[in-house]
C-alpha atoms as a PDB file:
ATOM      1  CA  MET A   1     -54.876 -60.267  17.892  1.00  0.00           C
ATOM      2  CA  MET A   2     -52.823 -57.685  19.780  1.00  0.00           C
ATOM      3  CA  LYS A   3     -53.605 -59.330  23.145  1.00  0.00           C
ATOM      4  CA  LYS A   4     -52.466 -62.706  21.777  1.00  0.00           C
ATOM      5  CA  SER A   5     -49.264 -61.118  20.449  1.00  0.00           C
ATOM      6  CA  ILE A   6     -48.479 -59.502  23.811  1.00  0.00           C
ATOM      7  CA  ALA A   7     -49.200 -62.726  25.673  1.00  0.00           C
ATOM      8  CA  PHE A   8     -47.000 -64.722  23.283  1.00  0.00           C
ATOM      9  CA  SER A   9     -44.200 -62.161  23.622  1.00  0.00           C
ATOM     10  CA  GLY A  10     -44.428 -62.412  27.374  1.00  0.00           C
ATOM     11  CA  PHE A  11     -44.289 -66.208  27.122  1.00  0.00           C
ATOM     12  CA  LEU A  12     -41.199 -66.077  24.914  1.00  0.00           C
ATOM     13  CA  LEU A  13     -39.531 -63.670  27.307  1.00  0.00           C
ATOM     14  CA  SER A  14     -40.351 -65.924  30.239  1.00  0.00           C
ATOM     15  CA  VAL A  15     -38.989 -69.013  28.469  1.00  0.00           C
ATOM     16  CA  CYS A  16     -35.826 -67.220  27.441  1.00  0.00           C
ATOM     17  CA  ILE A  17     -35.107 -65.834  30.888  1.00  0.00           C
ATOM     18  CA  SER A  18     -35.923 -69.168  32.515  1.00  0.00           C
ATOM     19  CA  LEU A  19     -33.380 -70.925  30.307  1.00  0.00           C
ATOM     20  CA  ILE A  20     -30.760 -68.317  31.088  1.00  0.00           C
ATOM     21  CA  THR A  21     -31.584 -68.539  34.781  1.00  0.00           C
ATOM     22  CA  MET A  22     -31.279 -72.351  34.772  1.00  0.00           C
ATOM     23  CA  ALA A  23     -27.928 -72.176  33.014  1.00  0.00           C
ATOM     24  CA  SER A  24     -26.709 -69.528  35.418  1.00  0.00           C
ATOM     25  CA  ASP A  25     -27.875 -71.566  38.409  1.00  0.00           C
ATOM     26  CA  ASP A  26     -26.076 -74.687  37.139  1.00  0.00           C
ATOM     27  CA  HIS A  27     -22.893 -72.723  36.582  1.00  0.00           C
ATOM     28  CA  ASP A  28     -22.963 -71.026  39.966  1.00  0.00           C
ATOM     29  CA  HIS A  29     -24.174 -74.061  41.962  1.00  0.00           C
ATOM     30  CA  GLY A  30     -22.049 -74.486  45.043  1.00  0.00           C
ATOM     31  CA  HIS A  31     -20.606 -70.999  44.773  1.00  0.00           C
ATOM     32  CA  GLU A  32     -23.633 -68.974  45.909  1.00  0.00           C
ATOM     33  CA  ASP A  33     -26.149 -69.359  48.678  1.00  0.00           C
ATOM     34  CA  GLN A  34     -29.208 -70.900  46.965  1.00  0.00           C
ATOM     35  CA  HIS A  35     -31.449 -68.617  49.054  1.00  0.00           C
ATOM     36  CA  GLU A  36     -29.687 -65.399  48.031  1.00  0.00           C
ATOM     37  CA  GLU A  37     -32.154 -62.966  46.488  1.00  0.00           C
ATOM     38  CA  LYS A  38     -31.640 -62.378  42.814  1.00  0.00           C
ATOM     39  CA  ASN A  39     -31.506 -58.739  41.700  1.00  0.00           C
ATOM     40  CA  HIS A  40     -31.211 -59.047  37.932  1.00  0.00           C
ATOM     41  CA  VAL A  41     -32.375 -60.875  34.826  1.00  0.00           C
ATOM     42  CA  GLU A  42     -30.606 -61.350  31.520  1.00  0.00           C
ATOM     43  CA  ILE A  43     -32.252 -60.993  28.103  1.00  0.00           C
ATOM     44  CA  SER A  44     -30.801 -60.899  24.634  1.00  0.00           C
ATOM     45  CA  SER A  45     -31.458 -57.793  22.577  1.00  0.00           C
ATOM     46  CA  GLU A  46     -33.514 -59.895  20.137  1.00  0.00           C
ATOM     47  CA  MET A  47     -35.784 -61.213  22.885  1.00  0.00           C
ATOM     48  CA  ALA A  48     -36.171 -57.738  24.408  1.00  0.00           C
ATOM     49  CA  GLU A  49     -37.327 -56.425  21.039  1.00  0.00           C
ATOM     50  CA  ILE A  50     -39.797 -59.287  20.535  1.00  0.00           C
ATOM     51  CA  SER A  51     -41.237 -58.761  24.030  1.00  0.00           C
ATOM     52  CA  GLY A  52     -41.583 -54.996  23.717  1.00  0.00           C
ATOM     53  CA  VAL A  53     -39.076 -54.256  26.463  1.00  0.00           C
ATOM     54  CA  THR A  54     -37.987 -50.714  25.655  1.00  0.00           C
ATOM     55  CA  THR A  55     -35.612 -48.331  27.373  1.00  0.00           C
ATOM     56  CA  ALA A  56     -35.243 -44.608  28.028  1.00  0.00           C
ATOM     57  CA  ILE A  57     -32.509 -42.409  29.430  1.00  0.00           C
ATOM     58  CA  ALA A  58     -32.879 -40.863  32.878  1.00  0.00           C
ATOM     59  CA  ASP A  59     -32.840 -37.098  32.443  1.00  0.00           C
ATOM     60  CA  ALA A  60     -34.341 -33.827  33.636  1.00  0.00           C
ATOM     61  CA  GLY A  61     -38.034 -33.326  33.016  1.00  0.00           C
ATOM     62  CA  GLU A  62     -41.155 -31.299  33.686  1.00  0.00           C
ATOM     63  CA  ILE A  63     -43.894 -32.402  36.052  1.00  0.00           C
ATOM     64  CA  ASP A  64     -47.249 -31.201  34.759  1.00  0.00           C
ATOM     65  CA  LYS A  65     -49.195 -30.315  37.916  1.00  0.00           C
ATOM     66  CA  LYS A  66     -52.901 -30.858  37.312  1.00  0.00           C
ATOM     67  CA  ILE A  67     -56.163 -30.297  39.146  1.00  0.00           C
ATOM     68  CA  THR A  68     -58.962 -32.809  38.571  1.00  0.00           C
ATOM     69  CA  LEU A  69     -62.489 -31.419  38.263  1.00  0.00           C
ATOM     70  CA  TYR A  70     -65.900 -33.063  37.941  1.00  0.00           C
ATOM     71  CA  GLY A  71     -69.010 -31.837  36.191  1.00  0.00           C
ATOM     72  CA  LYS A  72     -71.199 -32.342  33.128  1.00  0.00           C
ATOM     73  CA  LEU A  73     -71.646 -31.283  29.524  1.00  0.00           C
ATOM     74  CA  VAL A  74     -74.259 -28.679  28.645  1.00  0.00           C
ATOM     75  CA  VAL A  75     -75.380 -26.751  25.602  1.00  0.00           C
ATOM     76  CA  ALA A  76     -74.325 -23.144  26.097  1.00  0.00           C
ATOM     77  CA  PRO A  77     -77.145 -20.544  25.827  1.00  0.00           C
ATOM     78  CA  GLU A  78     -75.774 -19.156  22.571  1.00  0.00           C
ATOM     79  CA  PHE A  79     -76.325 -22.570  20.933  1.00  0.00           C
ATOM     80  CA  HIS A  80     -79.910 -23.015  22.142  1.00  0.00           C
ATOM     81  CA  ARG A  81     -83.104 -21.394  20.825  1.00  0.00           C
ATOM     82  CA  ASN A  82     -86.787 -21.604  21.795  1.00  0.00           C
ATOM     83  CA  VAL A  83     -88.789 -20.730  18.674  1.00  0.00           C
ATOM     84  CA  LYS A  84     -92.098 -18.896  19.267  1.00  0.00           C
ATOM     85  CA  ALA A  85     -94.623 -17.178  17.003  1.00  0.00           C
ATOM     86  CA  ARG A  86     -94.014 -13.455  16.525  1.00  0.00           C
ATOM     87  CA  PHE A  87     -97.759 -12.787  16.205  1.00  0.00           C
ATOM     88  CA  PRO A  88    -100.589 -14.928  17.677  1.00  0.00           C
ATOM     89  CA  GLY A  89    -102.225 -17.166  15.108  1.00  0.00           C
ATOM     90  CA  VAL A  90    -102.929 -20.646  13.773  1.00  0.00           C
ATOM     91  CA  VAL A  91    -100.205 -23.036  12.624  1.00  0.00           C
ATOM     92  CA  LYS A  92    -100.755 -23.803   8.941  1.00  0.00           C
ATOM     93  CA  LYS A  93     -97.669 -25.832   7.998  1.00  0.00           C
ATOM     94  CA  ILE A  94     -94.669 -27.444   9.747  1.00  0.00           C
ATOM     95  CA  ASN A  95     -91.570 -28.471   7.807  1.00  0.00           C
ATOM     96  CA  VAL A  96     -89.477 -30.236  10.484  1.00  0.00           C
ATOM     97  CA  MET A  97     -89.550 -33.185  12.848  1.00  0.00           C
ATOM     98  CA  PRO A  98     -87.522 -33.873  16.017  1.00  0.00           C
ATOM     99  CA  GLY A  99     -84.046 -35.037  15.046  1.00  0.00           C
ATOM    100  CA  ASP A 100     -83.887 -32.967  11.861  1.00  0.00           C
ATOM    101  CA  TYR A 101     -80.843 -30.741  11.346  1.00  0.00           C
ATOM    102  CA  VAL A 102     -81.583 -27.255  10.071  1.00  0.00           C
ATOM    103  CA  ASN A 103     -79.504 -24.367   8.848  1.00  0.00           C
ATOM    104  CA  LYS A 104     -80.007 -20.807   9.928  1.00  0.00           C
ATOM    105  CA  GLY A 105     -82.681 -19.313   7.666  1.00  0.00           C
ATOM    106  CA  ASP A 106     -84.487 -22.553   6.838  1.00  0.00           C
ATOM    107  CA  ILE A 107     -88.279 -22.213   7.042  1.00  0.00           C
ATOM    108  CA  LEU A 108     -89.528 -24.137  10.074  1.00  0.00           C
ATOM    109  CA  LEU A 109     -93.269 -23.431   9.938  1.00  0.00           C
ATOM    110  CA  SER A 110     -95.946 -21.095   8.573  1.00  0.00           C
ATOM    111  CA  ILE A 111     -98.573 -19.288  10.654  1.00  0.00           C
ATOM    112  CA  GLU A 112    -101.791 -17.457   9.805  1.00  0.00           C
ATOM    113  CA  ALA A 113    -101.907 -14.290  11.921  1.00  0.00           C
ATOM    114  CA  ASN A 114    -105.127 -13.708  13.881  1.00  0.00           C
ATOM    115  CA  ASP A 115    -105.356  -9.977  13.213  1.00  0.00           C
ATOM    116  CA  SER A 116    -104.690  -9.908   9.456  1.00  0.00           C
ATOM    117  CA  LEU A 117    -105.233 -13.544   8.435  1.00  0.00           C
ATOM    118  CA  SER A 118    -102.028 -13.215   6.409  1.00  0.00           C
ATOM    119  CA  ILE A 119     -99.474 -16.056   6.320  1.00  0.00           C
ATOM    120  CA  TYR A 120     -95.987 -15.474   7.653  1.00  0.00           C
ATOM    121  CA  ASN A 121     -93.033 -17.854   7.977  1.00  0.00           C
ATOM    122  CA  ILE A 122     -90.712 -18.522  10.897  1.00  0.00           C
ATOM    123  CA  ALA A 123     -87.095 -19.281   9.977  1.00  0.00           C
ATOM    124  CA  ALA A 124     -84.467 -21.172  11.982  1.00  0.00           C
ATOM    125  CA  PRO A 125     -82.494 -18.606  14.041  1.00  0.00           C
ATOM    126  CA  ILE A 126     -79.389 -20.827  14.270  1.00  0.00           C
ATOM    127  CA  ASP A 127     -77.901 -23.983  12.790  1.00  0.00           C
ATOM    128  CA  GLY A 128     -78.732 -27.031  14.867  1.00  0.00           C
ATOM    129  CA  LYS A 129     -80.885 -30.042  15.640  1.00  0.00           C
ATOM    130  CA  VAL A 130     -84.647 -29.913  16.257  1.00  0.00           C
ATOM    131  CA  VAL A 131     -85.016 -31.483  19.722  1.00  0.00           C
ATOM    132  CA  GLU A 132     -88.664 -30.613  20.385  1.00  0.00           C
ATOM    133  CA  ARG A 133     -91.747 -29.939  18.271  1.00  0.00           C
ATOM    134  CA  ASN A 134     -94.639 -28.822  20.458  1.00  0.00           C
ATOM    135  CA  THR A 135     -97.293 -27.992  17.862  1.00  0.00           C
ATOM    136  CA  ASN A 136     -99.207 -29.385  14.886  1.00  0.00           C
ATOM    137  CA  PRO A 137    -101.090 -27.879  11.939  1.00  0.00           C
ATOM    138  CA  ASP A 138    -104.329 -26.059  12.852  1.00  0.00           C
ATOM    139  CA  GLU A 139    -103.238 -25.510  16.479  1.00  0.00           C
ATOM    140  CA  ILE A 140    -103.205 -22.051  18.062  1.00  0.00           C
ATOM    141  CA  THR A 141     -99.789 -20.692  18.961  1.00  0.00           C
ATOM    142  CA  GLU A 142    -100.856 -19.115  22.310  1.00  0.00           C
ATOM    143  CA  GLY A 143     -97.351 -17.737  22.955  1.00  0.00           C
ATOM    144  CA  ASN A 144     -95.900 -21.203  23.554  1.00  0.00           C
ATOM    145  CA  THR A 145     -92.505 -22.517  22.514  1.00  0.00           C
ATOM    146  CA  LEU A 146     -93.267 -24.234  19.223  1.00  0.00           C
ATOM    147  CA  ILE A 147     -89.855 -25.691  18.359  1.00  0.00           C
ATOM    148  CA  ARG A 148     -86.591 -26.046  20.263  1.00  0.00           C
ATOM    149  CA  ILE A 149     -83.276 -26.101  18.416  1.00  0.00           C
ATOM    150  CA  LEU A 150     -79.884 -27.070  19.849  1.00  0.00           C
ATOM    151  CA  ASP A 151     -76.533 -26.861  18.116  1.00  0.00           C
ATOM    152  CA  ASP A 152     -74.761 -29.735  19.893  1.00  0.00           C
ATOM    153  CA  ARG A 153     -71.700 -29.604  17.652  1.00  0.00           C
ATOM    154  CA  GLN A 154     -70.232 -27.346  20.334  1.00  0.00           C
ATOM    155  CA  LEU A 155     -70.748 -28.248  23.995  1.00  0.00           C
ATOM    156  CA  THR A 156     -69.516 -26.712  27.234  1.00  0.00           C
ATOM    157  CA  ALA A 157     -68.143 -28.621  30.204  1.00  0.00           C
ATOM    158  CA  LEU A 158     -69.333 -27.040  33.458  1.00  0.00           C
ATOM    159  CA  LEU A 159     -67.070 -28.225  36.274  1.00  0.00           C
ATOM    160  CA  HIS A 160     -67.146 -27.539  40.003  1.00  0.00           C
ATOM    161  CA  VAL A 161     -64.007 -26.269  41.722  1.00  0.00           C
ATOM    162  CA  PHE A 162     -63.448 -25.482  45.408  1.00  0.00           C
ATOM    163  CA  ALA A 163     -61.874 -22.205  46.495  1.00  0.00           C
ATOM    164  CA  LYS A 164     -58.518 -23.773  47.427  1.00  0.00           C
ATOM    165  CA  ASP A 165     -58.101 -24.949  43.821  1.00  0.00           C
ATOM    166  CA  ALA A 166     -59.932 -22.112  42.060  1.00  0.00           C
ATOM    167  CA  ILE A 167     -57.102 -19.677  42.861  1.00  0.00           C
ATOM    168  CA  HIS A 168     -54.790 -21.749  40.637  1.00  0.00           C
ATOM    169  CA  ILE A 169     -57.100 -21.934  37.608  1.00  0.00           C
ATOM    170  CA  LYS A 170     -57.022 -19.251  34.917  1.00  0.00           C
ATOM    171  CA  ALA A 171     -58.538 -18.744  31.488  1.00  0.00           C
ATOM    172  CA  GLY A 172     -56.358 -20.173  28.743  1.00  0.00           C
ATOM    173  CA  GLN A 173     -54.910 -23.077  30.732  1.00  0.00           C
ATOM    174  CA  ALA A 174     -54.730 -26.396  28.903  1.00  0.00           C
ATOM    175  CA  ALA A 175     -57.285 -29.026  29.881  1.00  0.00           C
ATOM    176  CA  VAL A 176     -58.222 -32.573  28.904  1.00  0.00           C
ATOM    177  CA  ILE A 177     -61.854 -33.738  29.158  1.00  0.00           C
ATOM    178  CA  HIS A 178     -62.488 -37.449  29.806  1.00  0.00           C
ATOM    179  CA  HIS A 179     -65.630 -39.541  29.439  1.00  0.00           C
ATOM    180  CA  GLN A 180     -65.548 -43.327  29.102  1.00  0.00           C
ATOM    181  CA  GLN A 181     -63.268 -43.998  26.129  1.00  0.00           C
ATOM    182  CA  HIS A 182     -63.330 -40.426  24.813  1.00  0.00           C
ATOM    183  CA  ASN A 183     -60.735 -37.731  25.544  1.00  0.00           C
ATOM    184  CA  ILE A 184     -60.441 -34.271  24.063  1.00  0.00           C
ATOM    185  CA  GLU A 185     -57.946 -31.464  24.567  1.00  0.00           C
ATOM    186  CA  SER A 186     -59.232 -27.959  25.129  1.00  0.00           C
ATOM    187  CA  LYS A 187     -58.639 -24.818  27.224  1.00  0.00           C
ATOM    188  CA  VAL A 188     -60.307 -23.120  30.160  1.00  0.00           C
ATOM    189  CA  GLU A 189     -62.680 -20.439  28.883  1.00  0.00           C
ATOM    190  CA  SER A 190     -63.692 -18.786  32.146  1.00  0.00           C
ATOM    191  CA  ILE A 191     -64.434 -19.222  35.855  1.00  0.00           C
ATOM    192  CA  LEU A 192     -67.866 -18.178  37.111  1.00  0.00           C
ATOM    193  CA  PRO A 193     -69.651 -18.042  40.478  1.00  0.00           C
ATOM    194  CA  ASP A 194     -71.741 -21.140  41.165  1.00  0.00           C
ATOM    195  CA  ILE A 195     -75.128 -19.671  42.100  1.00  0.00           C
ATOM    196  CA  ASP A 196     -76.349 -23.060  43.346  1.00  0.00           C
ATOM    197  CA  HIS A 197     -73.371 -23.822  45.586  1.00  0.00           C
ATOM    198  CA  SER A 198     -71.672 -21.047  47.530  1.00  0.00           C
ATOM    199  CA  SER A 199     -68.641 -23.235  48.333  1.00  0.00           C
ATOM    200  CA  THR A 200     -67.624 -23.780  44.704  1.00  0.00           C
ATOM    201  CA  SER A 201     -67.105 -21.939  41.438  1.00  0.00           C
ATOM    202  CA  LEU A 202     -67.799 -23.164  37.907  1.00  0.00           C
ATOM    203  CA  VAL A 203     -65.071 -23.704  35.337  1.00  0.00           C
ATOM    204  CA  ARG A 204     -66.202 -23.496  31.687  1.00  0.00           C
ATOM    205  CA  ILE A 205     -64.338 -25.504  29.050  1.00  0.00           C
ATOM    206  CA  ALA A 206     -65.399 -25.717  25.408  1.00  0.00           C
ATOM    207  CA  VAL A 207     -65.833 -29.207  23.916  1.00  0.00           C
ATOM    208  CA  ASP A 208     -65.714 -29.607  20.143  1.00  0.00           C
ATOM    209  CA  ASN A 209     -68.438 -32.116  19.259  1.00  0.00           C
ATOM    210  CA  GLN A 210     -68.285 -32.062  15.453  1.00  0.00           C
ATOM    211  CA  GLN A 211     -67.952 -35.854  15.390  1.00  0.00           C
ATOM    212  CA  GLN A 212     -70.938 -36.307  17.740  1.00  0.00           C
ATOM    213  CA  LYS A 213     -69.046 -38.398  20.297  1.00  0.00           C
ATOM    214  CA  TRP A 214     -70.433 -36.453  23.262  1.00  0.00           C
ATOM    215  CA  LEU A 215     -73.950 -35.954  24.599  1.00  0.00           C
ATOM    216  CA  ALA A 216     -75.370 -33.065  26.600  1.00  0.00           C
ATOM    217  CA  ASN A 217     -75.850 -33.844  30.318  1.00  0.00           C
ATOM    218  CA  GLU A 218     -73.165 -36.533  30.323  1.00  0.00           C
ATOM    219  CA  ALA A 219     -70.937 -36.560  33.418  1.00  0.00           C
ATOM    220  CA  VAL A 220     -67.293 -35.780  32.603  1.00  0.00           C
ATOM    221  CA  VAL A 221     -63.927 -35.405  34.328  1.00  0.00           C
ATOM    222  CA  ALA A 222     -61.408 -32.706  33.430  1.00  0.00           C
ATOM    223  CA  GLU A 223     -57.711 -32.368  34.179  1.00  0.00           C
ATOM    224  CA  VAL A 224     -56.529 -28.780  34.106  1.00  0.00           C
ATOM    225  CA  SER A 225     -52.784 -28.105  33.828  1.00  0.00           C
ATOM    226  CA  VAL A 226     -52.009 -25.363  36.334  1.00  0.00           C
ATOM    227  CA  GLU A 227     -48.203 -25.460  36.602  1.00  0.00           C
ATOM    228  CA  LYS A 228     -45.109 -26.893  34.887  1.00  0.00           C
ATOM    229  CA  ILE A 229     -42.536 -27.903  37.512  1.00  0.00           C
ATOM    230  CA  PRO A 230     -38.958 -28.538  36.275  1.00  0.00           C
ATOM    231  CA  VAL A 231     -37.182 -31.412  38.063  1.00  0.00           C
ATOM    232  CA  ALA A 232     -33.551 -32.473  37.874  1.00  0.00           C
ATOM    233  CA  LEU A 233     -34.324 -36.132  37.176  1.00  0.00           C
ATOM    234  CA  ALA A 234     -37.492 -37.949  36.106  1.00  0.00           C
ATOM    235  CA  VAL A 235     -38.539 -41.332  34.733  1.00  0.00           C
ATOM    236  CA  ASP A 236     -41.478 -42.655  32.764  1.00  0.00           C
ATOM    237  CA  ASN A 237     -44.141 -43.909  35.185  1.00  0.00           C
ATOM    238  CA  ARG A 238     -44.266 -47.240  33.365  1.00  0.00           C
ATOM    239  CA  ALA A 239     -40.753 -47.943  34.629  1.00  0.00           C
ATOM    240  CA  ILE A 240     -41.702 -47.990  38.302  1.00  0.00           C
ATOM    241  CA  GLN A 241     -42.329 -51.402  39.867  1.00  0.00           C
ATOM    242  CA  ILE A 242     -42.682 -52.709  43.417  1.00  0.00           C
ATOM    243  CA  VAL A 243     -40.200 -55.491  44.225  1.00  0.00           C
ATOM    244  CA  ARG A 244     -39.847 -56.810  47.789  1.00  0.00           C
ATOM    245  CA  ASP A 245     -41.822 -53.844  49.096  1.00  0.00           C
ATOM    246  CA  GLN A 246     -39.476 -51.359  47.427  1.00  0.00           C
ATOM    247  CA  GLN A 247     -40.055 -48.982  44.530  1.00  0.00           C
ATOM    248  CA  VAL A 248     -37.532 -49.896  41.841  1.00  0.00           C
ATOM    249  CA  VAL A 249     -36.655 -49.410  38.201  1.00  0.00           C
ATOM    250  CA  PHE A 250     -34.689 -51.805  36.009  1.00  0.00           C
ATOM    251  CA  ILE A 251     -31.316 -50.486  34.827  1.00  0.00           C
ATOM    252  CA  LYS A 252     -29.936 -51.924  31.591  1.00  0.00           C
ATOM    253  CA  GLU A 253     -26.265 -52.723  31.110  1.00  0.00           C
ATOM    254  CA  GLY A 254     -25.678 -54.847  28.020  1.00  0.00           C
ATOM    255  CA  ASN A 255     -28.063 -57.788  28.286  1.00  0.00           C
ATOM    256  CA  THR A 256     -28.371 -57.464  32.059  1.00  0.00           C
ATOM    257  CA  TYR A 257     -31.359 -55.734  33.678  1.00  0.00           C
ATOM    258  CA  GLU A 258     -30.771 -54.983  37.355  1.00  0.00           C
ATOM    259  CA  ILE A 259     -33.266 -53.588  39.859  1.00  0.00           C
ATOM    260  CA  ARG A 260     -32.376 -50.233  41.383  1.00  0.00           C
ATOM    261  CA  PRO A 261     -34.297 -49.025  44.479  1.00  0.00           C
ATOM    262  CA  VAL A 262     -35.370 -45.401  44.025  1.00  0.00           C
ATOM    263  CA  GLU A 263     -36.725 -42.585  46.162  1.00  0.00           C
ATOM    264  CA  LEU A 264     -39.484 -40.798  44.302  1.00  0.00           C
ATOM    265  CA  GLY A 265     -41.004 -37.338  44.500  1.00  0.00           C
ATOM    266  CA  ARG A 266     -43.744 -35.557  42.583  1.00  0.00           C
ATOM    267  CA  THR A 267     -45.656 -37.136  39.712  1.00  0.00           C
ATOM    268  CA  ASP A 268     -48.187 -36.108  37.081  1.00  0.00           C
ATOM    269  CA  GLY A 269     -49.278 -39.599  36.096  1.00  0.00           C
ATOM    270  CA  LYS A 270     -46.833 -39.813  33.195  1.00  0.00           C
ATOM    271  CA  LEU A 271     -43.507 -38.715  34.661  1.00  0.00           C
ATOM    272  CA  THR A 272     -42.235 -39.101  38.225  1.00  0.00           C
ATOM    273  CA  GLU A 273     -39.449 -37.152  39.893  1.00  0.00           C
ATOM    274  CA  VAL A 274     -36.501 -39.250  41.130  1.00  0.00           C
ATOM    275  CA  LEU A 275     -34.887 -37.919  44.303  1.00  0.00           C
ATOM    276  CA  ASN A 276     -32.354 -40.683  44.855  1.00  0.00           C
ATOM    277  CA  GLY A 277     -31.232 -43.981  43.351  1.00  0.00           C
ATOM    278  CA  LEU A 278     -30.599 -43.013  39.722  1.00  0.00           C
ATOM    279  CA  ASP A 279     -28.055 -40.890  37.911  1.00  0.00           C
ATOM    280  CA  LYS A 280     -28.602 -38.731  34.882  1.00  0.00           C
ATOM    281  CA  GLY A 281     -27.822 -40.803  31.805  1.00  0.00           C
ATOM    282  CA  ASP A 282     -28.760 -44.172  33.306  1.00  0.00           C
ATOM    283  CA  VAL A 283     -30.519 -46.395  30.780  1.00  0.00           C
ATOM    284  CA  TYR A 284     -33.704 -47.762  32.339  1.00  0.00           C
ATOM    285  CA  VAL A 285     -36.565 -49.970  31.171  1.00  0.00           C
ATOM    286  CA  ALA A 286     -39.732 -48.025  30.354  1.00  0.00           C
ATOM    287  CA  GLY A 287     -41.964 -50.253  28.245  1.00  0.00           C
ATOM    288  CA  ASN A 288     -43.094 -53.659  29.603  1.00  0.00           C
ATOM    289  CA  SER A 289     -40.956 -53.440  32.740  1.00  0.00           C
ATOM    290  CA  TYR A 290     -43.603 -55.550  34.466  1.00  0.00           C
ATOM    291  CA  LEU A 291     -42.398 -58.571  32.451  1.00  0.00           C
ATOM    292  CA  LEU A 292     -38.984 -58.279  34.081  1.00  0.00           C
ATOM    293  CA  LYS A 293     -40.556 -57.992  37.512  1.00  0.00           C
ATOM    294  CA  ALA A 294     -42.695 -61.072  36.888  1.00  0.00           C
ATOM    295  CA  ASP A 295     -39.722 -63.168  35.865  1.00  0.00           C
ATOM    296  CA  LEU A 296     -37.599 -61.916  38.738  1.00  0.00           C
ATOM    297  CA  GLU A 297     -40.311 -62.877  41.223  1.00  0.00           C
ATOM    298  CA  LYS A 298     -40.766 -66.260  39.555  1.00  0.00           C
ATOM    299  CA  SER A 299     -37.035 -66.876  39.730  1.00  0.00           C
ATOM    300  CA  GLY A 300     -37.022 -65.919  43.406  1.00  0.00           C
ATOM    301  CA  ALA A 301     -39.891 -68.288  44.139  1.00  0.00           C
ATOM    302  CA  SER A 302     -38.103 -71.184  42.431  1.00  0.00           C
ATOM    303  CA  HIS A 303     -34.998 -70.552  44.558  1.00  0.00           C
ATOM    304  CA  ASP A 304     -37.068 -70.612  47.720  1.00  0.00           C
ATOM    305  CA  HIS A 305     -38.714 -73.896  46.790  1.00  0.00           C
END
C-alpha cells in the first residue's frame, strides 16, 4: 500500500510540474532559447506535501566518523556449559531434550555412581537452551560431555580489525551491528589479540538477543563510531543529486525549487559537509529530492526534442 501511495504521489507531482512547465513554456515562447537548460521546477505547497517533498535548513553539523568491521556472532564462554558427570556411573534418568530451555538449578539427569551405587542428580549450571544431549538411560558416563547448554539470549560479535584502524577503537565507543534486516545498537566491550591472524585484532561487542532475532555463527557487519567531527555546514545526504554531471541540491524559494551546484567534503552516510555552494540558513529539499531531479530531467528532454 505504501509503495502504491509513493508511486501515486510521484505521478501527481509529475503531472503538476508538467502542467506548470507547459504553461511557463507557452508564456515564454519566443522570449527564451528553446534549448536553454532549465535549472528549476515549480510546485505548489499542497503538491509538495502530497508528494512527500520536505525541506531542511542548511546549518552546522557533526560528521560521525565510523570504521566498518566484519566478523560473526558467537556465544561467549561465560554463556556456554558442557555438563559432565561428577562421579563415573550409569545414567538412570534424563529430564531434557535438545531445544528445551532450562533455568539454573533445574535437574537435568540422575546418575547411579559406580563406587557407592547411590543416585545423585546433576543440575543446570546456567540458564539456557539444551543444544546437545549425548547420552541415554542405562549408558555409562565415561567422562564424556553429557549435555551442552547455551544461553543465546546474549551473544558477542567478534570482529576483525587491522592495526591502522585498531588504534582508533576503544572500549565504550558506540557501535551498530547489522545483519540482513536486523540492526542493534551497542558498545565496544574490548579489543583482544587475534591468535589466528597476526595482522588483525578482535573487537568484542555485546549483542542483546532477548528477542531471538540473531543466531550464533551468523556473519555480521559493525559500524563503530570513532570520532565526532564538527563542520561549519552540512546537509542531509538525501538532498544530494547528480544533475548534468554535477552534485547539486534543490534550494526552495516560495514555490520555486532551483538546483544549486555544491562542493562536498566529508560524509558519514547521513550528513555530508558542504564546502561551497550553500549558505547557512538556505532552505533545501531533503525528502524525495529525486522527484524534482526526475522532473527536471524530463523537462530538459522535452525541450531537446
